[in-house]
């Protein structure tokens, strides 16, 4: 581990920074973790370690090629489209996880819907399950809005994070166990990156 010390504005030592090794199961990373707090105009802006890991993990998820059959299916559905959505651009890639990086509650779904999350690019968005879920999450204070229609609708989650066992839309909305096992490192990394 590499330790770096910084001198703060008042001339005293700040908390040390550390270079930590992290593995998401597919790739190993070295991440600079800082315990110092950057001050700006009498307020504290805190960049924590966990959001950085989740951002890396979500980037890794959208680029994942571990399940060629599911990637092919998601892309085919995005090209063929359902008649009701033919004027929309489908996401057609593995769907990243979504929510509050400092969440205490984790929702683990099975897999994205072919014309829901595979279309919108956000977990539980664009299908009937999402309509019900986000209405309940809003009533209980976890979601900023009672509906979720796209990645750009401004919805935020508070103290809750959503991920799935598989991140690509499977045929017949039922991924075989081997695909869930292939995606297990990302699910495990999502779980491990949430605070306890």
N, C-alpha and C. Protein backbone atom coordinates (compact mmCIF):
# COMPACT_ATOMS: atom_id res chain seq x y z
N UNK A 1 0.82 -1.16 0.00
CA UNK A 1 0.00 0.00 0.00
C UNK A 1 0.88 1.24 0.00
N UNK A 2 0.55 2.20 -0.84
CA UNK A 2 1.29 3.44 -0.93
C UNK A 2 0.57 4.50 -0.11
N UNK A 3 1.23 5.09 0.87
CA UNK A 3 0.63 6.13 1.70
C UNK A 3 1.19 7.49 1.28
N UNK A 4 0.30 8.46 1.15
CA UNK A 4 0.71 9.81 0.77
C UNK A 4 0.14 10.77 1.82
N UNK A 5 0.94 11.68 2.33
CA UNK A 5 0.45 12.66 3.30
C UNK A 5 0.32 14.02 2.62
N UNK A 6 -0.75 14.73 2.96
CA UNK A 6 -0.94 16.09 2.47
C UNK A 6 -0.94 17.05 3.65
N UNK A 7 -0.51 18.26 3.40
CA UNK A 7 -0.58 19.30 4.42
C UNK A 7 -1.84 20.12 4.13
N UNK A 8 -2.69 20.27 5.14
CA UNK A 8 -3.95 21.01 4.98
C UNK A 8 -3.74 22.51 4.97
N UNK A 9 -4.85 23.25 4.77
CA UNK A 9 -4.80 24.71 4.72
C UNK A 9 -4.23 25.31 6.00
N UNK A 10 -4.49 24.66 7.14
CA UNK A 10 -4.03 25.19 8.41
C UNK A 10 -2.61 24.74 8.76
N UNK A 11 -1.94 24.06 7.85
CA UNK A 11 -0.58 23.62 8.07
C UNK A 11 -0.45 22.30 8.79
N UNK A 12 -1.57 21.69 9.20
CA UNK A 12 -1.55 20.41 9.88
C UNK A 12 -1.72 19.27 8.88
N UNK A 13 -1.27 18.11 9.31
CA UNK A 13 -1.43 16.94 8.45
C UNK A 13 -2.90 16.61 8.24
N UNK A 14 -3.25 16.21 7.01
CA UNK A 14 -4.58 15.70 6.70
C UNK A 14 -4.52 14.18 6.80
N UNK A 15 -5.65 13.54 6.71
CA UNK A 15 -5.65 12.08 6.70
C UNK A 15 -4.86 11.60 5.50
N UNK A 16 -4.19 10.46 5.61
CA UNK A 16 -3.39 9.98 4.47
C UNK A 16 -4.28 9.44 3.35
N UNK A 17 -3.75 9.54 2.15
CA UNK A 17 -4.40 8.88 1.01
C UNK A 17 -3.77 7.52 0.86
N UNK A 18 -4.51 6.59 0.31
CA UNK A 18 -4.00 5.25 0.11
C UNK A 18 -4.34 4.76 -1.28
N UNK A 19 -3.45 4.00 -1.86
CA UNK A 19 -3.70 3.34 -3.13
C UNK A 19 -4.12 1.93 -2.76
N UNK A 20 -5.39 1.58 -3.02
CA UNK A 20 -5.91 0.27 -2.65
C UNK A 20 -6.22 -0.55 -3.89
N UNK A 21 -5.96 -1.83 -3.81
CA UNK A 21 -6.29 -2.71 -4.91
C UNK A 21 -7.72 -3.18 -4.73
N UNK A 22 -8.48 -3.21 -5.83
CA UNK A 22 -9.87 -3.64 -5.79
C UNK A 22 -10.11 -4.56 -6.99
N UNK A 23 -10.93 -5.56 -6.77
CA UNK A 23 -11.29 -6.47 -7.86
C UNK A 23 -12.80 -6.57 -7.93
N UNK A 24 -13.35 -6.44 -9.14
CA UNK A 24 -14.79 -6.62 -9.33
C UNK A 24 -15.10 -8.03 -9.81
N UNK A 25 -14.12 -8.87 -9.90
CA UNK A 25 -14.31 -10.23 -10.37
C UNK A 25 -13.87 -10.40 -11.81
N UNK A 26 -13.88 -9.32 -12.57
CA UNK A 26 -13.46 -9.38 -13.96
C UNK A 26 -12.14 -8.64 -14.18
N UNK A 27 -11.98 -7.55 -13.46
CA UNK A 27 -10.81 -6.70 -13.65
C UNK A 27 -10.31 -6.25 -12.28
N UNK A 28 -9.00 -6.12 -12.12
CA UNK A 28 -8.42 -5.57 -10.91
C UNK A 28 -8.09 -4.11 -11.15
N UNK A 29 -8.34 -3.26 -10.15
CA UNK A 29 -8.07 -1.84 -10.26
C UNK A 29 -7.22 -1.38 -9.09
N UNK A 30 -6.44 -0.34 -9.31
CA UNK A 30 -5.81 0.38 -8.22
C UNK A 30 -6.55 1.71 -8.13
N UNK A 31 -7.09 2.01 -6.96
CA UNK A 31 -7.90 3.21 -6.80
C UNK A 31 -7.29 4.06 -5.70
N UNK A 32 -7.17 5.36 -5.97
CA UNK A 32 -6.68 6.29 -4.98
C UNK A 32 -7.85 6.66 -4.08
N UNK A 33 -7.73 6.30 -2.81
CA UNK A 33 -8.77 6.59 -1.82
C UNK A 33 -8.24 7.69 -0.92
N UNK A 34 -9.01 8.75 -0.79
CA UNK A 34 -8.57 9.83 0.06
C UNK A 34 -9.48 9.96 1.28
N UNK A 35 -8.88 10.16 2.40
CA UNK A 35 -9.62 10.41 3.62
C UNK A 35 -9.73 11.90 3.89
N UNK A 36 -9.12 12.73 3.02
CA UNK A 36 -9.19 14.18 3.23
C UNK A 36 -10.52 14.69 2.71
N UNK A 37 -10.98 15.75 3.28
CA UNK A 37 -12.23 16.39 2.85
C UNK A 37 -11.86 17.68 2.16
N UNK A 38 -12.31 17.87 0.97
CA UNK A 38 -12.04 19.09 0.23
C UNK A 38 -13.02 20.16 0.71
N UNK A 39 -12.48 21.31 1.14
CA UNK A 39 -13.35 22.38 1.65
C UNK A 39 -13.54 23.42 0.56
N UNK A 40 -14.78 23.90 0.46
CA UNK A 40 -15.07 24.93 -0.52
C UNK A 40 -16.11 25.87 0.09
N UNK A 41 -15.78 27.12 0.28
CA UNK A 41 -16.69 28.15 0.79
C UNK A 41 -17.41 27.71 2.06
N UNK A 42 -16.65 27.34 3.06
CA UNK A 42 -17.19 26.96 4.37
C UNK A 42 -18.12 25.75 4.35
N UNK A 43 -18.08 24.94 3.32
CA UNK A 43 -18.89 23.73 3.31
C UNK A 43 -17.98 22.56 2.98
N UNK A 44 -18.43 21.37 3.32
CA UNK A 44 -17.63 20.18 3.05
C UNK A 44 -18.21 19.43 1.86
N UNK A 45 -17.38 19.12 0.93
CA UNK A 45 -17.76 18.23 -0.16
C UNK A 45 -16.97 16.96 0.05
N UNK A 46 -17.66 15.86 0.24
CA UNK A 46 -16.99 14.61 0.56
C UNK A 46 -17.13 13.65 -0.61
N UNK A 47 -16.02 13.24 -1.17
CA UNK A 47 -16.02 12.22 -2.20
C UNK A 47 -15.66 10.92 -1.52
N UNK A 48 -16.60 10.02 -1.43
CA UNK A 48 -16.33 8.77 -0.72
C UNK A 48 -15.81 7.71 -1.68
N UNK A 49 -15.31 6.65 -1.11
CA UNK A 49 -14.70 5.55 -1.84
C UNK A 49 -15.75 4.76 -2.63
N UNK A 50 -16.89 4.46 -2.04
CA UNK A 50 -17.87 3.57 -2.62
C UNK A 50 -18.47 4.05 -3.95
N UNK A 51 -18.86 5.32 -4.12
CA UNK A 51 -19.41 5.71 -5.42
C UNK A 51 -18.44 5.48 -6.56
N UNK A 52 -17.15 5.68 -6.32
CA UNK A 52 -16.16 5.45 -7.35
C UNK A 52 -16.16 3.99 -7.78
N UNK A 53 -16.22 3.08 -6.83
CA UNK A 53 -16.27 1.66 -7.16
C UNK A 53 -17.53 1.32 -7.94
N UNK A 54 -18.66 1.88 -7.54
CA UNK A 54 -19.92 1.59 -8.23
C UNK A 54 -19.92 2.17 -9.64
N UNK A 55 -19.32 3.32 -9.83
CA UNK A 55 -19.21 3.89 -11.17
C UNK A 55 -18.36 2.99 -12.07
N UNK A 56 -17.26 2.51 -11.54
CA UNK A 56 -16.41 1.59 -12.30
C UNK A 56 -17.17 0.31 -12.62
N UNK A 57 -17.86 -0.22 -11.63
CA UNK A 57 -18.62 -1.45 -11.82
C UNK A 57 -19.71 -1.27 -12.86
N UNK A 58 -20.44 -0.16 -12.83
CA UNK A 58 -21.49 0.08 -13.82
C UNK A 58 -20.91 0.24 -15.23
N UNK A 59 -19.76 0.87 -15.34
CA UNK A 59 -19.09 0.96 -16.66
C UNK A 59 -18.71 -0.43 -17.14
N UNK A 60 -18.21 -1.23 -16.23
CA UNK A 60 -17.83 -2.61 -16.56
C UNK A 60 -19.06 -3.42 -17.00
N UNK A 61 -20.17 -3.23 -16.32
CA UNK A 61 -21.40 -3.95 -16.66
C UNK A 61 -21.85 -3.62 -18.07
N UNK A 62 -21.89 -2.33 -18.44
CA UNK A 62 -22.39 -1.96 -19.76
C UNK A 62 -21.47 -2.44 -20.89
N UNK A 63 -20.22 -2.72 -20.58
CA UNK A 63 -19.28 -3.22 -21.59
C UNK A 63 -19.11 -4.73 -21.55
N UNK A 64 -19.80 -5.40 -20.64
CA UNK A 64 -19.62 -6.83 -20.42
C UNK A 64 -19.96 -7.65 -21.66
N UNK A 65 -19.15 -8.65 -21.93
CA UNK A 65 -19.34 -9.57 -23.07
C UNK A 65 -19.33 -11.03 -22.61
N UNK A 66 -19.52 -11.27 -21.30
CA UNK A 66 -19.39 -12.63 -20.76
C UNK A 66 -20.48 -13.60 -21.22
N UNK A 67 -21.65 -13.10 -21.55
CA UNK A 67 -22.77 -13.97 -21.99
C UNK A 67 -23.16 -13.60 -23.42
N UNK A 68 -22.46 -14.10 -24.41
CA UNK A 68 -22.74 -13.71 -25.80
C UNK A 68 -24.19 -13.96 -26.22
N UNK A 69 -24.79 -15.04 -25.72
CA UNK A 69 -26.19 -15.34 -26.08
C UNK A 69 -27.13 -14.25 -25.58
N UNK A 70 -26.93 -13.79 -24.35
CA UNK A 70 -27.79 -12.74 -23.80
C UNK A 70 -27.52 -11.39 -24.46
N UNK A 71 -26.26 -11.11 -24.75
CA UNK A 71 -25.93 -9.85 -25.45
C UNK A 71 -26.57 -9.83 -26.83
N UNK A 72 -26.51 -10.96 -27.52
CA UNK A 72 -27.11 -11.07 -28.85
C UNK A 72 -28.62 -10.86 -28.76
N UNK A 73 -29.26 -11.51 -27.78
CA UNK A 73 -30.71 -11.38 -27.62
C UNK A 73 -31.10 -9.93 -27.31
N UNK A 74 -30.40 -9.28 -26.40
CA UNK A 74 -30.70 -7.89 -26.06
C UNK A 74 -30.58 -6.99 -27.29
N UNK A 75 -29.53 -7.19 -28.08
CA UNK A 75 -29.31 -6.39 -29.29
C UNK A 75 -30.39 -6.66 -30.34
N UNK A 76 -30.79 -7.94 -30.49
CA UNK A 76 -31.86 -8.28 -31.45
C UNK A 76 -33.18 -7.64 -31.07
N UNK A 77 -33.53 -7.71 -29.79
CA UNK A 77 -34.77 -7.09 -29.31
C UNK A 77 -34.72 -5.58 -29.56
N UNK A 78 -33.56 -4.98 -29.34
CA UNK A 78 -33.41 -3.54 -29.56
C UNK A 78 -33.58 -3.16 -31.03
N UNK A 79 -33.24 -4.07 -31.94
CA UNK A 79 -33.41 -3.80 -33.36
C UNK A 79 -34.84 -4.06 -33.82
N UNK A 80 -35.42 -5.17 -33.38
CA UNK A 80 -36.77 -5.54 -33.81
C UNK A 80 -37.85 -4.66 -33.17
N UNK A 81 -37.72 -4.36 -31.91
CA UNK A 81 -38.61 -3.50 -31.13
C UNK A 81 -40.05 -4.00 -31.10
N UNK A 82 -40.73 -3.66 -30.06
CA UNK A 82 -42.17 -3.91 -29.94
C UNK A 82 -42.88 -2.75 -30.64
N UNK A 83 -44.01 -3.05 -31.29
CA UNK A 83 -44.73 -2.04 -32.07
C UNK A 83 -45.00 -0.77 -31.25
N UNK A 84 -45.37 -0.92 -29.99
CA UNK A 84 -45.69 0.24 -29.14
C UNK A 84 -44.49 1.16 -28.93
N UNK A 85 -43.29 0.64 -29.12
CA UNK A 85 -42.08 1.43 -28.86
C UNK A 85 -41.22 1.62 -30.10
N UNK A 86 -41.77 1.39 -31.27
CA UNK A 86 -40.95 1.43 -32.49
C UNK A 86 -40.31 2.79 -32.76
N UNK A 87 -40.89 3.88 -32.21
CA UNK A 87 -40.31 5.21 -32.41
C UNK A 87 -39.24 5.56 -31.38
N UNK A 88 -38.97 4.64 -30.45
CA UNK A 88 -37.99 4.88 -29.40
C UNK A 88 -36.67 4.17 -29.70
N UNK A 89 -35.59 4.74 -29.20
CA UNK A 89 -34.28 4.11 -29.31
C UNK A 89 -34.09 3.21 -28.10
N UNK A 90 -33.85 1.94 -28.34
CA UNK A 90 -33.63 0.99 -27.26
C UNK A 90 -32.20 1.09 -26.75
N UNK A 91 -32.01 0.84 -25.48
CA UNK A 91 -30.69 0.79 -24.86
C UNK A 91 -29.92 -0.38 -25.46
N UNK A 92 -30.43 -1.60 -25.37
CA UNK A 92 -29.87 -2.77 -26.02
C UNK A 92 -28.53 -3.27 -25.50
N UNK A 93 -28.10 -2.79 -24.34
CA UNK A 93 -26.83 -3.19 -23.72
C UNK A 93 -27.12 -3.76 -22.34
N UNK A 94 -26.13 -4.34 -21.68
CA UNK A 94 -26.35 -4.73 -20.29
C UNK A 94 -26.78 -3.50 -19.48
N UNK A 95 -27.77 -3.68 -18.62
CA UNK A 95 -28.35 -2.58 -17.86
C UNK A 95 -27.58 -2.39 -16.55
N UNK A 96 -27.03 -1.19 -16.33
CA UNK A 96 -26.28 -0.95 -15.10
C UNK A 96 -27.19 -0.89 -13.88
N UNK A 97 -26.61 -1.03 -12.73
CA UNK A 97 -27.34 -0.88 -11.47
C UNK A 97 -27.68 0.59 -11.28
N UNK A 98 -28.56 0.87 -10.32
CA UNK A 98 -29.07 2.24 -10.17
C UNK A 98 -29.41 2.53 -8.72
N UNK A 99 -29.10 3.74 -8.27
CA UNK A 99 -29.53 4.13 -6.94
C UNK A 99 -28.51 4.92 -6.17
N UNK A 100 -28.72 4.96 -4.87
CA UNK A 100 -27.91 5.71 -3.93
C UNK A 100 -26.67 4.89 -3.56
N UNK A 101 -25.46 5.38 -3.88
CA UNK A 101 -24.25 4.62 -3.56
C UNK A 101 -24.05 4.37 -2.07
N UNK A 102 -24.67 5.18 -1.22
CA UNK A 102 -24.55 5.00 0.23
C UNK A 102 -25.77 4.29 0.81
N UNK A 103 -26.48 3.54 -0.02
CA UNK A 103 -27.73 2.89 0.39
C UNK A 103 -27.53 1.84 1.48
N UNK A 104 -28.56 1.70 2.31
CA UNK A 104 -28.59 0.63 3.30
C UNK A 104 -29.49 -0.51 2.83
N UNK A 105 -30.30 -0.25 1.77
CA UNK A 105 -31.22 -1.25 1.26
C UNK A 105 -30.82 -1.60 -0.18
N UNK A 106 -30.74 -2.88 -0.47
CA UNK A 106 -30.40 -3.36 -1.81
C UNK A 106 -31.55 -4.19 -2.35
N UNK A 107 -32.03 -3.86 -3.56
CA UNK A 107 -33.03 -4.67 -4.24
C UNK A 107 -32.29 -5.45 -5.33
N UNK A 108 -32.43 -6.76 -5.31
CA UNK A 108 -31.79 -7.62 -6.30
C UNK A 108 -32.88 -8.25 -7.16
N UNK A 109 -32.98 -7.79 -8.41
CA UNK A 109 -33.93 -8.36 -9.36
C UNK A 109 -33.31 -9.53 -10.08
N UNK A 110 -34.12 -10.21 -10.90
CA UNK A 110 -33.61 -11.35 -11.66
C UNK A 110 -32.85 -10.89 -12.90
N UNK A 111 -33.53 -10.16 -13.78
CA UNK A 111 -32.91 -9.71 -15.03
C UNK A 111 -33.76 -8.60 -15.65
N UNK A 112 -33.19 -7.78 -16.52
CA UNK A 112 -33.96 -6.72 -17.18
C UNK A 112 -35.03 -7.31 -18.11
N UNK A 113 -36.14 -6.59 -18.23
CA UNK A 113 -37.18 -6.98 -19.19
C UNK A 113 -36.76 -6.58 -20.59
N UNK A 114 -37.14 -7.39 -21.58
CA UNK A 114 -36.74 -7.14 -22.96
C UNK A 114 -37.22 -5.79 -23.49
N UNK A 115 -38.44 -5.40 -23.14
CA UNK A 115 -38.98 -4.13 -23.63
C UNK A 115 -39.15 -3.11 -22.52
N UNK A 116 -38.62 -3.41 -21.35
CA UNK A 116 -38.62 -2.48 -20.22
C UNK A 116 -37.22 -1.92 -20.05
N UNK A 117 -36.44 -2.53 -19.17
CA UNK A 117 -35.08 -2.05 -18.89
C UNK A 117 -34.16 -2.13 -20.11
N UNK A 118 -34.33 -3.14 -20.94
CA UNK A 118 -33.51 -3.25 -22.15
C UNK A 118 -33.80 -2.09 -23.10
N UNK A 119 -35.00 -1.52 -23.00
CA UNK A 119 -35.38 -0.36 -23.82
C UNK A 119 -34.90 0.94 -23.16
N UNK A 120 -35.12 1.08 -21.86
CA UNK A 120 -34.85 2.35 -21.18
C UNK A 120 -33.43 2.48 -20.64
N UNK A 121 -32.79 1.35 -20.35
CA UNK A 121 -31.43 1.38 -19.81
C UNK A 121 -31.36 1.59 -18.31
N UNK A 122 -32.50 1.47 -17.63
CA UNK A 122 -32.52 1.60 -16.16
C UNK A 122 -33.32 0.44 -15.58
N UNK A 123 -32.81 -0.11 -14.49
CA UNK A 123 -33.47 -1.24 -13.82
C UNK A 123 -34.92 -0.91 -13.47
N UNK A 124 -35.81 -1.87 -13.72
CA UNK A 124 -37.24 -1.77 -13.39
C UNK A 124 -37.89 -0.50 -13.96
N UNK A 125 -37.50 -0.11 -15.15
CA UNK A 125 -38.06 1.08 -15.77
C UNK A 125 -38.65 0.72 -17.12
N UNK A 126 -39.89 1.16 -17.35
CA UNK A 126 -40.52 0.96 -18.65
C UNK A 126 -41.41 -0.25 -18.74
N UNK A 127 -41.68 -0.93 -17.63
CA UNK A 127 -42.60 -2.07 -17.67
C UNK A 127 -43.50 -2.05 -16.45
N UNK A 128 -44.43 -2.98 -16.38
CA UNK A 128 -45.43 -3.01 -15.30
C UNK A 128 -44.79 -3.18 -13.92
N UNK A 129 -43.78 -4.02 -13.82
CA UNK A 129 -43.13 -4.21 -12.51
C UNK A 129 -42.54 -2.91 -12.00
N UNK A 130 -41.97 -2.13 -12.90
CA UNK A 130 -41.40 -0.84 -12.51
C UNK A 130 -42.47 0.16 -12.09
N UNK A 131 -43.62 0.13 -12.78
CA UNK A 131 -44.72 1.03 -12.40
C UNK A 131 -45.12 0.79 -10.94
N UNK A 132 -45.24 -0.47 -10.58
CA UNK A 132 -45.63 -0.82 -9.21
C UNK A 132 -44.50 -0.50 -8.24
N UNK A 133 -43.27 -0.92 -8.58
CA UNK A 133 -42.13 -0.74 -7.69
C UNK A 133 -41.88 0.72 -7.36
N UNK A 134 -41.79 1.58 -8.37
CA UNK A 134 -41.45 2.98 -8.11
C UNK A 134 -42.57 3.73 -7.40
N UNK A 135 -43.81 3.33 -7.61
CA UNK A 135 -44.92 3.92 -6.87
C UNK A 135 -44.77 3.62 -5.37
N UNK A 136 -44.44 2.37 -5.05
CA UNK A 136 -44.24 1.97 -3.65
C UNK A 136 -42.99 2.64 -3.07
N UNK A 137 -41.91 2.68 -3.84
CA UNK A 137 -40.68 3.32 -3.36
C UNK A 137 -40.90 4.80 -3.07
N UNK A 138 -41.71 5.46 -3.90
CA UNK A 138 -42.01 6.88 -3.67
C UNK A 138 -42.84 7.05 -2.41
N UNK A 139 -43.84 6.21 -2.22
CA UNK A 139 -44.69 6.29 -1.02
C UNK A 139 -43.89 6.05 0.26
N UNK A 140 -42.87 5.23 0.19
CA UNK A 140 -42.07 4.91 1.38
C UNK A 140 -40.84 5.80 1.53
N UNK A 141 -40.68 6.77 0.64
CA UNK A 141 -39.60 7.74 0.77
C UNK A 141 -38.28 7.36 0.12
N UNK A 142 -38.25 6.25 -0.60
CA UNK A 142 -37.00 5.83 -1.24
C UNK A 142 -36.79 6.46 -2.62
N UNK A 143 -37.87 6.86 -3.30
CA UNK A 143 -37.77 7.41 -4.65
C UNK A 143 -38.29 8.83 -4.70
N UNK A 144 -37.66 9.66 -5.52
CA UNK A 144 -38.06 11.06 -5.64
C UNK A 144 -39.35 11.25 -6.44
N UNK A 145 -39.69 10.29 -7.30
CA UNK A 145 -40.91 10.36 -8.13
C UNK A 145 -41.64 9.02 -8.06
N UNK A 146 -42.95 9.02 -8.30
CA UNK A 146 -43.71 7.76 -8.27
C UNK A 146 -43.62 6.97 -9.58
N UNK A 147 -43.00 7.55 -10.60
CA UNK A 147 -42.87 6.86 -11.88
C UNK A 147 -41.43 6.90 -12.37
N UNK A 148 -41.10 5.95 -13.21
CA UNK A 148 -39.79 5.90 -13.84
C UNK A 148 -40.02 5.52 -15.30
N UNK A 149 -39.71 6.44 -16.22
CA UNK A 149 -39.98 6.19 -17.63
C UNK A 149 -38.72 6.14 -18.49
N UNK A 150 -37.62 6.77 -18.01
CA UNK A 150 -36.38 6.75 -18.79
C UNK A 150 -35.21 7.08 -17.88
N UNK A 151 -34.02 6.92 -18.40
CA UNK A 151 -32.81 7.25 -17.64
C UNK A 151 -32.69 8.76 -17.41
N UNK A 152 -33.36 9.56 -18.20
CA UNK A 152 -33.25 11.02 -18.12
C UNK A 152 -34.45 11.68 -17.44
N UNK A 153 -35.25 10.94 -16.69
CA UNK A 153 -36.47 11.51 -16.10
C UNK A 153 -36.25 12.21 -14.77
N UNK A 154 -35.01 12.26 -14.29
CA UNK A 154 -34.70 12.97 -13.05
C UNK A 154 -34.95 12.18 -11.78
N UNK A 155 -35.37 10.94 -11.89
CA UNK A 155 -35.63 10.12 -10.71
C UNK A 155 -34.34 9.84 -9.95
N UNK A 156 -34.39 9.98 -8.64
CA UNK A 156 -33.27 9.60 -7.79
C UNK A 156 -33.79 8.69 -6.69
N UNK A 157 -32.92 7.84 -6.21
CA UNK A 157 -33.26 6.95 -5.10
C UNK A 157 -32.50 7.39 -3.87
N UNK A 158 -33.13 7.25 -2.72
CA UNK A 158 -32.53 7.65 -1.45
C UNK A 158 -32.39 6.42 -0.56
N UNK A 159 -31.17 6.10 -0.17
CA UNK A 159 -30.89 5.00 0.75
C UNK A 159 -31.27 3.63 0.17
N UNK A 160 -31.34 3.54 -1.16
CA UNK A 160 -31.73 2.29 -1.83
C UNK A 160 -30.93 2.14 -3.11
N UNK A 161 -30.51 0.91 -3.41
CA UNK A 161 -29.75 0.61 -4.62
C UNK A 161 -30.37 -0.60 -5.29
N UNK A 162 -30.50 -0.56 -6.62
CA UNK A 162 -31.14 -1.64 -7.37
C UNK A 162 -30.13 -2.27 -8.33
N UNK A 163 -30.05 -3.58 -8.30
CA UNK A 163 -29.19 -4.33 -9.22
C UNK A 163 -29.94 -5.60 -9.64
N UNK A 164 -29.29 -6.45 -10.40
CA UNK A 164 -29.94 -7.69 -10.86
C UNK A 164 -28.93 -8.83 -10.90
N UNK A 165 -29.46 -10.05 -10.87
CA UNK A 165 -28.61 -11.25 -10.98
C UNK A 165 -27.98 -11.33 -12.36
N UNK A 166 -28.72 -10.93 -13.39
CA UNK A 166 -28.21 -10.85 -14.77
C UNK A 166 -28.51 -9.45 -15.27
N UNK A 167 -27.64 -8.87 -16.07
CA UNK A 167 -27.83 -7.49 -16.52
C UNK A 167 -28.26 -7.37 -17.97
N UNK A 168 -28.39 -8.49 -18.67
CA UNK A 168 -28.90 -8.49 -20.04
C UNK A 168 -30.28 -9.14 -20.05
N UNK A 169 -31.13 -8.68 -20.96
CA UNK A 169 -32.47 -9.24 -21.07
C UNK A 169 -32.39 -10.65 -21.66
N UNK A 170 -32.87 -11.65 -20.92
CA UNK A 170 -32.82 -13.02 -21.41
C UNK A 170 -34.06 -13.37 -22.24
N UNK A 171 -33.95 -14.36 -23.13
CA UNK A 171 -35.15 -14.83 -23.84
C UNK A 171 -36.17 -15.35 -22.83
N UNK A 172 -37.43 -15.07 -23.06
CA UNK A 172 -38.53 -15.52 -22.20
C UNK A 172 -38.38 -15.02 -20.76
N UNK A 173 -37.67 -13.91 -20.58
CA UNK A 173 -37.43 -13.29 -19.27
C UNK A 173 -37.01 -14.26 -18.18
N UNK A 174 -36.26 -15.28 -18.56
CA UNK A 174 -35.83 -16.29 -17.61
C UNK A 174 -34.39 -16.72 -17.90
N UNK A 175 -33.40 -16.07 -17.25
CA UNK A 175 -32.02 -16.45 -17.52
C UNK A 175 -31.70 -17.81 -16.90
N UNK A 176 -31.02 -18.68 -17.66
CA UNK A 176 -30.62 -19.95 -17.08
C UNK A 176 -29.60 -19.74 -15.97
N UNK A 177 -29.51 -20.67 -15.03
CA UNK A 177 -28.57 -20.52 -13.90
C UNK A 177 -27.14 -20.22 -14.33
N UNK A 178 -26.69 -20.76 -15.47
CA UNK A 178 -25.31 -20.51 -15.89
C UNK A 178 -25.07 -19.03 -16.18
N UNK A 179 -26.11 -18.31 -16.71
CA UNK A 179 -25.95 -16.89 -16.96
C UNK A 179 -25.93 -16.09 -15.66
N UNK A 180 -26.71 -16.50 -14.68
CA UNK A 180 -26.67 -15.84 -13.37
C UNK A 180 -25.33 -16.08 -12.70
N UNK A 181 -24.78 -17.28 -12.87
CA UNK A 181 -23.47 -17.60 -12.28
C UNK A 181 -22.38 -16.78 -12.96
N UNK A 182 -22.50 -16.55 -14.27
CA UNK A 182 -21.53 -15.73 -14.99
C UNK A 182 -21.58 -14.29 -14.51
N UNK A 183 -22.80 -13.80 -14.21
CA UNK A 183 -22.97 -12.43 -13.74
C UNK A 183 -22.74 -12.28 -12.24
N UNK A 184 -22.57 -13.37 -11.53
CA UNK A 184 -22.44 -13.33 -10.06
C UNK A 184 -21.36 -12.40 -9.56
N UNK A 185 -20.17 -12.32 -10.20
CA UNK A 185 -19.16 -11.39 -9.67
C UNK A 185 -19.64 -9.94 -9.62
N UNK A 186 -20.44 -9.49 -10.61
CA UNK A 186 -20.93 -8.11 -10.57
C UNK A 186 -21.98 -7.94 -9.49
N UNK A 187 -22.84 -8.94 -9.28
CA UNK A 187 -23.84 -8.85 -8.21
C UNK A 187 -23.15 -8.82 -6.86
N UNK A 188 -22.14 -9.64 -6.70
CA UNK A 188 -21.38 -9.68 -5.46
C UNK A 188 -20.66 -8.37 -5.23
N UNK A 189 -20.08 -7.81 -6.28
CA UNK A 189 -19.38 -6.53 -6.15
C UNK A 189 -20.35 -5.41 -5.80
N UNK A 190 -21.57 -5.43 -6.39
CA UNK A 190 -22.58 -4.44 -6.01
C UNK A 190 -22.90 -4.55 -4.53
N UNK A 191 -23.09 -5.76 -4.07
CA UNK A 191 -23.43 -6.01 -2.66
C UNK A 191 -22.29 -5.53 -1.75
N UNK A 192 -21.07 -5.89 -2.11
CA UNK A 192 -19.91 -5.54 -1.28
C UNK A 192 -19.61 -4.05 -1.29
N UNK A 193 -20.06 -3.32 -2.33
CA UNK A 193 -19.79 -1.90 -2.42
C UNK A 193 -20.81 -1.05 -1.67
N UNK A 194 -21.89 -1.67 -1.21
CA UNK A 194 -22.89 -0.94 -0.43
C UNK A 194 -22.48 -0.97 1.04
N UNK A 195 -22.72 0.14 1.74
CA UNK A 195 -22.35 0.17 3.16
C UNK A 195 -23.16 -0.83 3.97
N UNK A 196 -22.61 -1.24 5.09
CA UNK A 196 -23.33 -2.19 5.94
C UNK A 196 -24.13 -1.48 6.99
